[in-house]
Amino acid sequence: MNLEINKKAIKAEGIKFFIEEEGREVARAFLYIMNNDLHKEPFGLLEDLFVDESLRGQGIGTELLNMVIAEAKNQKCYKLVATSRHERQIVHKIYEKAGFKNFGIEFKMYLNENE
């Protein structure tokens, strides 16, 4: 069997939500809007939701998360995917409270030896 693998560019864009305090970024979240051939609508990927340790427990992460969800809805995404490390149980509870469901395991490969 001689199958040829083709490729084509797919449109994607990213939006960064962040909070600065005295010129320093203290909270952030990235929303990537991507498309695939399975759905007419795009899907969203939430990446790197972060709040500085000194500000945790004040609802900032939840507020960022809600803004990302609202923007994903505004962008007409059919789903929003979020990833989190196993040990981040507090983050998992925030995601679940917001309506996310645990669907499986994330696999990651670093392509740069510095990671």
C-alpha atoms as a PDB file:
ATOM      1  CA  MET A   1       0.000   0.000   0.000  1.00  0.00           C
ATOM      2  CA  ASN A   2       1.414   3.361  -1.049  1.00  0.00           C
ATOM      3  CA  LEU A   3      -0.456   6.133   0.730  1.00  0.00           C
ATOM      4  CA  GLU A   4       0.566   9.757   0.477  1.00  0.00           C
ATOM      5  CA  ILE A   5       0.230  11.994   3.524  1.00  0.00           C
ATOM      6  CA  ASN A   6      -0.926  15.483   2.612  1.00  0.00           C
ATOM      7  CA  LYS A   7      -1.024  18.623   4.711  1.00  0.00           C
ATOM      8  CA  LYS A   8      -2.829  21.939   4.635  1.00  0.00           C
ATOM      9  CA  ALA A   9      -2.664  25.064   6.766  1.00  0.00           C
ATOM     10  CA  ILE A  10      -5.455  25.498   9.302  1.00  0.00           C
ATOM     11  CA  LYS A  11      -6.430  28.909  10.635  1.00  0.00           C
ATOM     12  CA  ALA A  12      -5.866  29.472  14.363  1.00  0.00           C
ATOM     13  CA  GLU A  13      -5.588  32.512  16.587  1.00  0.00           C
ATOM     14  CA  GLY A  14      -4.719  33.196  20.192  1.00  0.00           C
ATOM     15  CA  ILE A  15      -5.985  35.630  22.800  1.00  0.00           C
ATOM     16  CA  LYS A  16      -4.091  36.414  25.991  1.00  0.00           C
ATOM     17  CA  PHE A  17      -5.934  37.509  29.130  1.00  0.00           C
ATOM     18  CA  PHE A  18      -3.676  38.954  31.804  1.00  0.00           C
ATOM     19  CA  ILE A  19      -3.378  41.134  34.882  1.00  0.00           C
ATOM     20  CA  GLU A  20      -0.379  43.328  35.577  1.00  0.00           C
ATOM     21  CA  GLU A  21       0.560  44.762  38.936  1.00  0.00           C
ATOM     22  CA  GLU A  22       3.309  47.384  39.073  1.00  0.00           C
ATOM     23  CA  GLY A  23       4.491  46.382  35.591  1.00  0.00           C
ATOM     24  CA  ARG A  24       4.661  42.675  36.445  1.00  0.00           C
ATOM     25  CA  GLU A  25       2.319  40.033  35.066  1.00  0.00           C
ATOM     26  CA  VAL A  26       0.625  38.361  38.042  1.00  0.00           C
ATOM     27  CA  ALA A  27      -2.118  36.370  36.309  1.00  0.00           C
ATOM     28  CA  ARG A  28      -2.751  35.092  32.802  1.00  0.00           C
ATOM     29  CA  ALA A  29      -4.622  32.669  30.599  1.00  0.00           C
ATOM     30  CA  PHE A  30      -4.373  31.930  26.898  1.00  0.00           C
ATOM     31  CA  LEU A  31      -7.293  31.011  24.669  1.00  0.00           C
ATOM     32  CA  TYR A  32      -6.479  29.490  21.298  1.00  0.00           C
ATOM     33  CA  ILE A  33      -9.262  29.342  18.719  1.00  0.00           C
ATOM     34  CA  MET A  34      -8.708  26.491  16.261  1.00  0.00           C
ATOM     35  CA  ASN A  35     -10.539  24.734  13.482  1.00  0.00           C
ATOM     36  CA  ASN A  36     -10.676  21.174  12.216  1.00  0.00           C
ATOM     37  CA  ASP A  37     -12.587  19.388   9.473  1.00  0.00           C
ATOM     38  CA  LEU A  38     -14.890  17.580  11.914  1.00  0.00           C
ATOM     39  CA  HIS A  39     -16.971  20.634  12.836  1.00  0.00           C
ATOM     40  CA  LYS A  40     -18.053  23.804  11.113  1.00  0.00           C
ATOM     41  CA  GLU A  41     -17.507  25.739  14.360  1.00  0.00           C
ATOM     42  CA  PRO A  42     -14.075  26.249  15.920  1.00  0.00           C
ATOM     43  CA  PHE A  43     -12.974  24.844  19.254  1.00  0.00           C
ATOM     44  CA  GLY A  44     -11.076  26.565  22.034  1.00  0.00           C
ATOM     45  CA  LEU A  45      -8.004  25.479  23.945  1.00  0.00           C
ATOM     46  CA  LEU A  46      -7.368  27.043  27.343  1.00  0.00           C
ATOM     47  CA  GLU A  47      -3.651  27.051  28.064  1.00  0.00           C
ATOM     48  CA  ASP A  48      -1.530  28.222  30.983  1.00  0.00           C
ATOM     49  CA  LEU A  49      -4.101  29.548  33.441  1.00  0.00           C
ATOM     50  CA  PHE A  50      -1.818  31.046  36.096  1.00  0.00           C
ATOM     51  CA  VAL A  51      -2.162  33.239  39.178  1.00  0.00           C
ATOM     52  CA  ASP A  52       0.837  34.343  41.218  1.00  0.00           C
ATOM     53  CA  GLU A  53       1.033  32.435  44.509  1.00  0.00           C
ATOM     54  CA  SER A  54       0.654  35.642  46.540  1.00  0.00           C
ATOM     55  CA  LEU A  55      -2.755  36.302  44.930  1.00  0.00           C
ATOM     56  CA  ARG A  56      -4.253  32.810  44.933  1.00  0.00           C
ATOM     57  CA  GLY A  57      -7.495  32.140  46.780  1.00  0.00           C
ATOM     58  CA  GLN A  58      -8.998  35.520  45.888  1.00  0.00           C
ATOM     59  CA  GLY A  59     -11.077  34.374  42.909  1.00  0.00           C
ATOM     60  CA  ILE A  60      -8.733  35.792  40.268  1.00  0.00           C
ATOM     61  CA  GLY A  61      -8.257  32.418  38.548  1.00  0.00           C
ATOM     62  CA  THR A  62     -12.008  31.845  38.490  1.00  0.00           C
ATOM     63  CA  GLU A  63     -12.553  35.309  37.033  1.00  0.00           C
ATOM     64  CA  LEU A  64      -9.954  34.680  34.306  1.00  0.00           C
ATOM     65  CA  LEU A  65     -11.503  31.291  33.592  1.00  0.00           C
ATOM     66  CA  ASN A  66     -14.973  32.811  33.282  1.00  0.00           C
ATOM     67  CA  MET A  67     -13.628  35.430  30.859  1.00  0.00           C
ATOM     68  CA  VAL A  68     -12.024  32.711  28.719  1.00  0.00           C
ATOM     69  CA  ILE A  69     -15.269  30.704  28.696  1.00  0.00           C
ATOM     70  CA  ALA A  70     -17.268  33.800  27.723  1.00  0.00           C
ATOM     71  CA  GLU A  71     -14.850  34.585  24.896  1.00  0.00           C
ATOM     72  CA  ALA A  72     -14.950  30.988  23.631  1.00  0.00           C
ATOM     73  CA  LYS A  73     -18.745  31.253  23.518  1.00  0.00           C
ATOM     74  CA  ASN A  74     -18.472  34.636  21.791  1.00  0.00           C
ATOM     75  CA  GLN A  75     -16.183  33.033  19.197  1.00  0.00           C
ATOM     76  CA  LYS A  76     -18.890  30.348  18.639  1.00  0.00           C
ATOM     77  CA  CYS A  77     -16.650  27.485  19.810  1.00  0.00           C
ATOM     78  CA  TYR A  78     -18.419  24.129  20.010  1.00  0.00           C
ATOM     79  CA  LYS A  79     -16.133  23.023  22.864  1.00  0.00           C
ATOM     80  CA  LEU A  80     -13.419  24.335  25.155  1.00  0.00           C
ATOM     81  CA  VAL A  81     -10.535  22.083  26.189  1.00  0.00           C
ATOM     82  CA  ALA A  82      -8.416  22.743  29.282  1.00  0.00           C
ATOM     83  CA  THR A  83      -5.376  20.840  30.446  1.00  0.00           C
ATOM     84  CA  SER A  84      -3.882  20.534  33.914  1.00  0.00           C
ATOM     85  CA  ARG A  85      -1.180  18.518  35.636  1.00  0.00           C
ATOM     86  CA  HIS A  86      -2.301  15.617  37.839  1.00  0.00           C
ATOM     87  CA  GLU A  87      -1.119  17.248  41.067  1.00  0.00           C
ATOM     88  CA  ARG A  88      -3.142  20.460  40.539  1.00  0.00           C
ATOM     89  CA  GLN A  89      -6.269  19.268  42.383  1.00  0.00           C
ATOM     90  CA  ILE A  90      -7.380  22.805  43.308  1.00  0.00           C
ATOM     91  CA  VAL A  91      -7.327  23.789  39.629  1.00  0.00           C
ATOM     92  CA  HIS A  92      -9.288  20.633  38.744  1.00  0.00           C
ATOM     93  CA  LYS A  93     -12.005  21.631  41.216  1.00  0.00           C
ATOM     94  CA  ILE A  94     -12.178  25.138  39.732  1.00  0.00           C
ATOM     95  CA  TYR A  95     -12.547  23.644  36.234  1.00  0.00           C
ATOM     96  CA  GLU A  96     -15.221  21.191  37.369  1.00  0.00           C
ATOM     97  CA  LYS A  97     -17.138  23.926  39.197  1.00  0.00           C
ATOM     98  CA  ALA A  98     -17.128  25.914  35.942  1.00  0.00           C
ATOM     99  CA  GLY A  99     -18.643  22.939  34.080  1.00  0.00           C
ATOM    100  CA  PHE A 100     -15.627  21.106  32.647  1.00  0.00           C
ATOM    101  CA  LYS A 101     -15.636  17.290  32.666  1.00  0.00           C
ATOM    102  CA  ASN A 102     -12.560  15.087  33.036  1.00  0.00           C
ATOM    103  CA  PHE A 103     -12.298  13.277  29.698  1.00  0.00           C
ATOM    104  CA  GLY A 104      -8.905  11.629  29.872  1.00  0.00           C
ATOM    105  CA  ILE A 105      -5.182  12.016  29.930  1.00  0.00           C
ATOM    106  CA  GLU A 106      -2.975  14.564  28.229  1.00  0.00           C
ATOM    107  CA  PHE A 107       0.238  13.318  26.640  1.00  0.00           C
ATOM    108  CA  LYS A 108       3.062  15.762  26.115  1.00  0.00           C
ATOM    109  CA  MET A 109       6.376  15.652  24.309  1.00  0.00           C
ATOM    110  CA  TYR A 110       8.899  18.438  24.733  1.00  0.00           C
ATOM    111  CA  LEU A 111      10.673  19.144  21.470  1.00  0.00           C
ATOM    112  CA  ASN A 112      13.256  21.382  23.093  1.00  0.00           C
ATOM    113  CA  GLU A 113      15.846  19.881  25.433  1.00  0.00           C
ATOM    114  CA  ASN A 114      15.628  22.976  27.677  1.00  0.00           C
ATOM    115  CA  GLU A 115      12.135  22.038  28.936  1.00  0.00           C
END
